[in-house]
Amino acid sequence: MTRGRRFERLARDFLVSQGLRFVEANFATRFGEIDLIMLDGRVLVFVEVKYRSSERFGTSLEQVTQGKIRRIKLAAQAYLQAYPAQVEAVRFDVVGISPEGKGYRFNWVKGAVQ
């Protein structure tokens, strides 16, 4: 398992522990990839996962650039066209992961991308 996939799995487990339901991981299109797709009740959540070993050069949330946001939105549109779902809304979240002690700290920002 690659390092990125490992942190995506940690984020997935964290979100499930917070009550979300897993739908899909690593949905890829020619536009880009969505790390995790989850359900929060009837809200479909597209999740970008970022790991930072140090915040010396910025937080994980700051690593989500405008270009990345554009690619996530295009990939989300492709997902919704391929898999039309009965959902009330969609949301774009970011889960930042950083080391803390012998474990990890999760910074979950709901609606991080508008």
N, C-alpha and C. Protein backbone atom coordinates (compact mmCIF):
# COMPACT_ATOMS: atom_id res chain seq x y z
N MET A 1 0.85 -1.18 0.00
CA MET A 1 0.00 0.00 0.00
C MET A 1 0.89 1.24 0.00
N THR A 2 0.62 2.16 -0.91
CA THR A 2 1.42 3.37 -0.98
C THR A 2 1.12 4.27 0.22
N ARG A 3 2.01 5.21 0.45
CA ARG A 3 1.83 6.13 1.58
C ARG A 3 0.52 6.91 1.45
N GLY A 4 0.24 7.41 0.24
CA GLY A 4 -1.00 8.15 0.03
C GLY A 4 -2.22 7.30 0.31
N ARG A 5 -2.22 6.07 -0.17
CA ARG A 5 -3.36 5.17 0.05
C ARG A 5 -3.52 4.86 1.54
N ARG A 6 -2.39 4.75 2.25
CA ARG A 6 -2.44 4.48 3.69
C ARG A 6 -3.16 5.61 4.43
N PHE A 7 -2.85 6.86 4.08
CA PHE A 7 -3.49 7.99 4.75
C PHE A 7 -4.94 8.15 4.30
N GLU A 8 -5.24 7.79 3.08
CA GLU A 8 -6.63 7.79 2.64
C GLU A 8 -7.44 6.77 3.44
N ARG A 9 -6.84 5.63 3.72
CA ARG A 9 -7.52 4.61 4.53
C ARG A 9 -7.73 5.10 5.96
N LEU A 10 -6.73 5.78 6.52
CA LEU A 10 -6.88 6.35 7.86
C LEU A 10 -8.01 7.38 7.88
N ALA A 11 -8.07 8.23 6.86
CA ALA A 11 -9.12 9.24 6.77
C ALA A 11 -10.49 8.55 6.63
N ARG A 12 -10.54 7.53 5.82
CA ARG A 12 -11.80 6.78 5.64
C ARG A 12 -12.27 6.21 6.97
N ASP A 13 -11.38 5.56 7.69
CA ASP A 13 -11.74 4.98 8.99
C ASP A 13 -12.19 6.07 9.97
N PHE A 14 -11.49 7.22 9.94
CA PHE A 14 -11.88 8.34 10.80
C PHE A 14 -13.28 8.82 10.46
N LEU A 15 -13.57 9.02 9.18
CA LEU A 15 -14.89 9.51 8.78
C LEU A 15 -16.00 8.52 9.11
N VAL A 16 -15.72 7.23 8.94
CA VAL A 16 -16.70 6.21 9.31
C VAL A 16 -16.97 6.28 10.82
N SER A 17 -15.92 6.51 11.61
CA SER A 17 -16.09 6.62 13.06
C SER A 17 -16.91 7.85 13.43
N GLN A 18 -16.99 8.83 12.52
CA GLN A 18 -17.77 10.05 12.75
C GLN A 18 -19.19 9.93 12.21
N GLY A 19 -19.54 8.75 11.69
CA GLY A 19 -20.91 8.52 11.25
C GLY A 19 -21.14 8.56 9.75
N LEU A 20 -20.10 8.81 8.96
CA LEU A 20 -20.28 8.80 7.51
C LEU A 20 -20.23 7.36 7.00
N ARG A 21 -20.78 7.15 5.82
CA ARG A 21 -20.77 5.82 5.22
C ARG A 21 -19.90 5.86 3.97
N PHE A 22 -19.02 4.88 3.85
CA PHE A 22 -18.11 4.79 2.72
C PHE A 22 -18.86 4.40 1.45
N VAL A 23 -18.53 5.09 0.34
CA VAL A 23 -19.12 4.77 -0.96
C VAL A 23 -18.04 4.25 -1.90
N GLU A 24 -16.97 5.03 -2.07
CA GLU A 24 -15.93 4.65 -3.04
C GLU A 24 -14.63 5.38 -2.71
N ALA A 25 -13.52 4.76 -3.13
CA ALA A 25 -12.21 5.40 -2.96
C ALA A 25 -11.54 5.51 -4.33
N ASN A 26 -10.77 6.57 -4.48
CA ASN A 26 -9.93 6.78 -5.66
C ASN A 26 -10.70 6.73 -6.98
N PHE A 27 -11.79 7.48 -7.03
CA PHE A 27 -12.55 7.58 -8.28
C PHE A 27 -11.74 8.47 -9.22
N ALA A 28 -11.30 7.88 -10.33
CA ALA A 28 -10.42 8.60 -11.26
C ALA A 28 -11.10 8.84 -12.60
N THR A 29 -10.88 10.04 -13.11
CA THR A 29 -11.34 10.41 -14.44
C THR A 29 -10.16 11.05 -15.16
N ARG A 30 -10.37 11.43 -16.39
CA ARG A 30 -9.29 12.13 -17.10
C ARG A 30 -9.07 13.52 -16.53
N PHE A 31 -10.04 14.01 -15.74
CA PHE A 31 -9.93 15.34 -15.14
C PHE A 31 -9.13 15.32 -13.84
N GLY A 32 -9.20 14.22 -13.11
CA GLY A 32 -8.55 14.12 -11.82
C GLY A 32 -9.13 12.99 -11.01
N GLU A 33 -8.73 12.94 -9.75
CA GLU A 33 -9.15 11.85 -8.87
C GLU A 33 -9.79 12.41 -7.61
N ILE A 34 -10.79 11.70 -7.13
CA ILE A 34 -11.39 12.01 -5.83
C ILE A 34 -10.93 10.93 -4.87
N ASP A 35 -10.31 11.36 -3.77
CA ASP A 35 -9.75 10.39 -2.83
C ASP A 35 -10.82 9.51 -2.21
N LEU A 36 -11.86 10.12 -1.66
CA LEU A 36 -12.93 9.37 -1.00
C LEU A 36 -14.28 9.95 -1.37
N ILE A 37 -15.25 9.08 -1.51
CA ILE A 37 -16.64 9.50 -1.68
C ILE A 37 -17.40 8.84 -0.54
N MET A 38 -18.10 9.67 0.24
CA MET A 38 -18.79 9.20 1.44
C MET A 38 -20.22 9.72 1.42
N LEU A 39 -21.05 9.14 2.27
CA LEU A 39 -22.40 9.65 2.48
C LEU A 39 -22.52 10.13 3.92
N ASP A 40 -23.02 11.35 4.07
CA ASP A 40 -23.32 11.92 5.38
C ASP A 40 -24.83 12.12 5.41
N GLY A 41 -25.53 11.08 5.85
CA GLY A 41 -26.99 11.07 5.72
C GLY A 41 -27.34 10.96 4.25
N ARG A 42 -28.01 11.99 3.71
CA ARG A 42 -28.35 12.00 2.28
C ARG A 42 -27.51 13.01 1.51
N VAL A 43 -26.38 13.39 2.10
CA VAL A 43 -25.44 14.31 1.45
C VAL A 43 -24.26 13.49 0.93
N LEU A 44 -24.00 13.59 -0.37
CA LEU A 44 -22.85 12.92 -0.97
C LEU A 44 -21.63 13.82 -0.75
N VAL A 45 -20.59 13.25 -0.16
CA VAL A 45 -19.43 14.03 0.23
C VAL A 45 -18.20 13.57 -0.56
N PHE A 46 -17.59 14.51 -1.27
CA PHE A 46 -16.35 14.26 -2.00
C PHE A 46 -15.22 14.77 -1.10
N VAL A 47 -14.27 13.88 -0.80
CA VAL A 47 -13.26 14.18 0.21
C VAL A 47 -11.86 14.17 -0.41
N GLU A 48 -11.13 15.24 -0.17
CA GLU A 48 -9.72 15.33 -0.50
C GLU A 48 -8.94 15.07 0.78
N VAL A 49 -7.98 14.16 0.72
CA VAL A 49 -7.16 13.80 1.89
C VAL A 49 -5.76 14.36 1.68
N LYS A 50 -5.27 15.06 2.70
CA LYS A 50 -3.92 15.62 2.64
C LYS A 50 -3.16 15.26 3.91
N TYR A 51 -1.96 14.74 3.74
CA TYR A 51 -1.08 14.45 4.87
C TYR A 51 0.08 15.43 4.85
N ARG A 52 0.40 15.96 6.00
CA ARG A 52 1.56 16.83 6.16
C ARG A 52 2.34 16.34 7.37
N SER A 53 3.60 16.03 7.16
CA SER A 53 4.44 15.57 8.28
C SER A 53 4.81 16.74 9.18
N SER A 54 4.70 17.97 8.65
CA SER A 54 4.99 19.17 9.41
C SER A 54 4.18 20.32 8.83
N GLU A 55 3.79 21.24 9.67
CA GLU A 55 3.06 22.41 9.19
C GLU A 55 4.00 23.61 9.03
N ARG A 56 5.28 23.34 9.02
CA ARG A 56 6.27 24.40 8.88
C ARG A 56 6.09 25.18 7.58
N PHE A 57 5.66 24.51 6.51
CA PHE A 57 5.49 25.17 5.22
C PHE A 57 4.02 25.28 4.83
N GLY A 58 3.14 25.25 5.82
CA GLY A 58 1.71 25.39 5.56
C GLY A 58 0.92 24.18 6.03
N THR A 59 -0.35 24.41 6.25
CA THR A 59 -1.23 23.34 6.71
C THR A 59 -1.67 22.48 5.53
N SER A 60 -2.25 21.35 5.85
CA SER A 60 -2.75 20.46 4.80
C SER A 60 -3.85 21.15 4.00
N LEU A 61 -4.67 21.94 4.65
CA LEU A 61 -5.74 22.64 3.94
C LEU A 61 -5.17 23.63 2.94
N GLU A 62 -4.08 24.27 3.28
CA GLU A 62 -3.45 25.23 2.38
C GLU A 62 -2.85 24.56 1.14
N GLN A 63 -2.69 23.26 1.19
CA GLN A 63 -2.13 22.51 0.06
C GLN A 63 -3.17 22.21 -1.02
N VAL A 64 -4.43 22.51 -0.75
CA VAL A 64 -5.49 22.30 -1.73
C VAL A 64 -5.58 23.57 -2.58
N THR A 65 -4.94 23.53 -3.73
CA THR A 65 -4.83 24.70 -4.61
C THR A 65 -6.10 24.90 -5.44
N GLN A 66 -6.20 26.05 -6.07
CA GLN A 66 -7.33 26.32 -6.96
C GLN A 66 -7.38 25.33 -8.11
N GLY A 67 -6.22 24.96 -8.63
CA GLY A 67 -6.18 23.96 -9.69
C GLY A 67 -6.71 22.61 -9.22
N LYS A 68 -6.35 22.23 -8.00
CA LYS A 68 -6.83 20.96 -7.43
C LYS A 68 -8.34 21.02 -7.23
N ILE A 69 -8.83 22.16 -6.76
CA ILE A 69 -10.27 22.32 -6.55
C ILE A 69 -11.02 22.18 -7.88
N ARG A 70 -10.49 22.79 -8.92
CA ARG A 70 -11.12 22.68 -10.24
C ARG A 70 -11.18 21.23 -10.70
N ARG A 71 -10.07 20.49 -10.53
CA ARG A 71 -10.04 19.08 -10.94
C ARG A 71 -11.00 18.22 -10.10
N ILE A 72 -11.10 18.51 -8.82
CA ILE A 72 -12.02 17.76 -7.96
C ILE A 72 -13.46 18.00 -8.42
N LYS A 73 -13.80 19.24 -8.71
CA LYS A 73 -15.16 19.55 -9.15
C LYS A 73 -15.49 18.88 -10.47
N LEU A 74 -14.54 18.87 -11.40
CA LEU A 74 -14.77 18.19 -12.69
C LEU A 74 -14.94 16.69 -12.50
N ALA A 75 -14.12 16.10 -11.63
CA ALA A 75 -14.24 14.66 -11.35
C ALA A 75 -15.57 14.37 -10.67
N ALA A 76 -16.01 15.25 -9.77
CA ALA A 76 -17.29 15.07 -9.08
C ALA A 76 -18.44 15.13 -10.08
N GLN A 77 -18.38 16.06 -11.03
CA GLN A 77 -19.42 16.13 -12.07
C GLN A 77 -19.46 14.84 -12.87
N ALA A 78 -18.29 14.31 -13.21
CA ALA A 78 -18.23 13.05 -13.96
C ALA A 78 -18.83 11.91 -13.13
N TYR A 79 -18.54 11.89 -11.83
CA TYR A 79 -19.10 10.85 -10.96
C TYR A 79 -20.62 10.94 -10.93
N LEU A 80 -21.14 12.14 -10.76
CA LEU A 80 -22.59 12.32 -10.67
C LEU A 80 -23.29 11.96 -11.97
N GLN A 81 -22.61 12.18 -13.10
CA GLN A 81 -23.20 11.78 -14.39
C GLN A 81 -23.17 10.27 -14.56
N ALA A 82 -22.08 9.64 -14.11
CA ALA A 82 -21.96 8.19 -14.25
C ALA A 82 -22.82 7.44 -13.25
N TYR A 83 -22.99 8.01 -12.06
CA TYR A 83 -23.74 7.35 -10.98
C TYR A 83 -24.75 8.32 -10.39
N PRO A 84 -25.81 8.61 -11.11
CA PRO A 84 -26.82 9.52 -10.56
C PRO A 84 -27.38 8.93 -9.26
N ALA A 85 -27.34 9.72 -8.22
CA ALA A 85 -27.75 9.22 -6.91
C ALA A 85 -28.92 10.04 -6.39
N GLN A 86 -29.68 9.44 -5.52
CA GLN A 86 -30.78 10.12 -4.85
C GLN A 86 -30.22 10.77 -3.59
N VAL A 87 -29.61 11.92 -3.76
CA VAL A 87 -29.05 12.64 -2.62
C VAL A 87 -29.67 14.03 -2.54
N GLU A 88 -29.67 14.59 -1.35
CA GLU A 88 -30.23 15.93 -1.17
C GLU A 88 -29.26 17.01 -1.62
N ALA A 89 -27.96 16.74 -1.45
CA ALA A 89 -26.95 17.75 -1.77
C ALA A 89 -25.60 17.07 -1.90
N VAL A 90 -24.62 17.82 -2.36
CA VAL A 90 -23.24 17.36 -2.38
C VAL A 90 -22.41 18.35 -1.57
N ARG A 91 -21.29 17.85 -1.05
CA ARG A 91 -20.40 18.67 -0.25
C ARG A 91 -18.97 18.26 -0.57
N PHE A 92 -18.07 19.21 -0.47
CA PHE A 92 -16.65 18.95 -0.70
C PHE A 92 -15.90 19.21 0.60
N ASP A 93 -15.32 18.16 1.16
CA ASP A 93 -14.59 18.26 2.42
C ASP A 93 -13.11 18.01 2.21
N VAL A 94 -12.31 18.45 3.17
CA VAL A 94 -10.89 18.13 3.21
C VAL A 94 -10.60 17.52 4.57
N VAL A 95 -9.84 16.44 4.57
CA VAL A 95 -9.34 15.85 5.81
C VAL A 95 -7.83 15.98 5.79
N GLY A 96 -7.32 16.80 6.70
CA GLY A 96 -5.89 16.95 6.87
C GLY A 96 -5.41 16.03 7.96
N ILE A 97 -4.31 15.36 7.71
CA ILE A 97 -3.74 14.43 8.70
C ILE A 97 -2.32 14.87 8.99
N SER A 98 -1.99 14.92 10.28
CA SER A 98 -0.62 15.25 10.66
C SER A 98 -0.25 14.41 11.88
N PRO A 99 1.05 14.14 12.06
CA PRO A 99 1.46 13.33 13.20
C PRO A 99 1.22 14.06 14.52
N GLU A 100 0.85 13.28 15.52
CA GLU A 100 0.66 13.83 16.86
C GLU A 100 0.99 12.74 17.87
N GLY A 101 2.08 12.94 18.59
CA GLY A 101 2.51 11.91 19.54
C GLY A 101 2.82 10.63 18.79
N LYS A 102 2.21 9.54 19.24
CA LYS A 102 2.41 8.25 18.56
C LYS A 102 1.30 7.94 17.58
N GLY A 103 0.41 8.92 17.36
CA GLY A 103 -0.70 8.73 16.43
C GLY A 103 -0.79 9.87 15.44
N TYR A 104 -2.01 10.18 15.09
CA TYR A 104 -2.26 11.22 14.10
C TYR A 104 -3.36 12.15 14.58
N ARG A 105 -3.30 13.38 14.09
CA ARG A 105 -4.34 14.37 14.34
C ARG A 105 -5.09 14.56 13.03
N PHE A 106 -6.42 14.56 13.12
CA PHE A 106 -7.27 14.74 11.95
C PHE A 106 -7.91 16.12 12.01
N ASN A 107 -7.79 16.87 10.93
CA ASN A 107 -8.44 18.17 10.80
C ASN A 107 -9.45 18.03 9.67
N TRP A 108 -10.71 17.84 10.03
CA TRP A 108 -11.77 17.61 9.08
C TRP A 108 -12.51 18.93 8.86
N VAL A 109 -12.45 19.43 7.63
CA VAL A 109 -13.11 20.68 7.30
C VAL A 109 -14.28 20.37 6.36
N LYS A 110 -15.47 20.45 6.91
CA LYS A 110 -16.68 20.23 6.12
C LYS A 110 -16.93 21.45 5.24
N GLY A 111 -17.28 21.19 4.00
CA GLY A 111 -17.58 22.29 3.09
C GLY A 111 -16.38 23.18 2.82
N ALA A 112 -15.21 22.59 2.82
CA ALA A 112 -13.97 23.36 2.61
C ALA A 112 -13.91 23.97 1.23
N VAL A 113 -14.52 23.31 0.27
CA VAL A 113 -14.51 23.78 -1.11
C VAL A 113 -15.93 24.18 -1.48
N GLN A 114 -16.09 25.38 -1.96
CA GLN A 114 -17.43 25.87 -2.34
C GLN A 114 -17.64 25.74 -3.82
